[in-house]
Each structure stands twice: as structure tokens, then as C-alpha cells.
Amino acid sequence: MNRNRAIAETVHLSALGLWLGAIGVAGAAAAVAFPTMRELDPVLGAYAAFPGEHWPIAAGEVMFKVFQITDFVALVCVVLVAGTLVLAVTAGGLSVRRLSAKLRVAVAIALLVTQGWMMFVLMPRMVHNVGEFWSLARAGETDRAVEYRALFNEDHPKSRRTFETLMVFIVVSVAATGASLTDGKKRGARP
């Protein structure tokens, strides 16, 4: 394996690991934040005019910031994953004739499409709806606030499924990368 490919593959696998870790940490944080806030049952001064439960708002405000970090990490990682795969093929000698390399390309495309849909379609809509909910809840406009919360809640399962799909694609990408790194060694050919 030449130096360009070694560097590309190292960065590629590191980006996949960081991306998977960021999604996992965000999921773990949500699994802790929401039950903890439910148990604490806080009353938030900023939302004093909102008669509903405040614990989902408290946990949601914290998780919003966590997901912003996760989104930034995902953006950096998707660029690195795509760029290093292109580098491995163009300057590193990765043969796209091998099944493992074809799988890597297919999964990279699936990751790009899935992350793109998440970042440019689903998340902007969810951010808008939760932002309106928070703004209206602070102002005491409960009926309108509840409408926006319902819109947000409608998208929440899609968000969770998208994160789960991304995690599966990332794991498959790691496995395909590992296979492409060992292909040539098993056959005595160039990987």
C-alpha cells in the first residue's frame, strides 16, 4: 500500500469512528437527559407562562446543543469520508473493480444521501418547529406552541430512524474498508 493510500485509509477509518461515536454519544446523552429531567420535574422560570410540563423543554434545550455539536461533527466526517475514499481510489491505488471497494463506494453514497437528507431537509424543519414551540411557550401562547410541538414530535421518529440508519451504514463502511484493506493480502494481489 502506498503512502497516499495509507494516509487516506487512516483518516477515512478515523472519520468513520468519530462519526459513529458522535451519534452514539448523542443517543446516550438523550437517554440520560430526558429520564433525568422527568424525574427532577423542573419548573423553568423562562417558561413560567407555559402551563405544560417543563421537563421535556429542559432536556430538549440541553439536547439541542448536543445535537448541534453532533451535526457539526457529522458534516466534517462526511466530507472526510468522501474525500479520503476519492483519494484512496485516485492517488492511492484502491481498485474499484474489487467487490469490497464497490461496496465502499455504494455505502459512501448512501451515507452522503442520508446525511444530506438529515442536514438539509429534516433537521431544518425540526429546528424551526422546536424553535417556534420554545418561543411561543415562553410567550404563553400555549395553543400555538402545542401545534409546533406536535409538528416536531411528528418528525422525531424519522430523526431517530435516520440516526440508526447512519449508524448501520457507518458500521458497514468500516467492515467494507477492512475487507478492502485485506483483499489483496489474502490473494497476493494489490488491494
Foldseek 3Di string as FASTA:
>chain_A
DDPQLVVLLVLLLVLLVQLLVLLVVLVVLLVPQQVVLVVVQDDDPLLVLAPDGCSVVVSVVVSVVSVVVSLVSLVVSLCSNVVSLVSCVPPVVQDCVDPLNVLLVVLSVVLVVLSCCVVPPLVVLLVVLQVVLSVCSSVNVHVVSVVSVVVNVVSVVVNVVSSVVNSVSSVSNSVSSVCSVCVCVVVVHDD
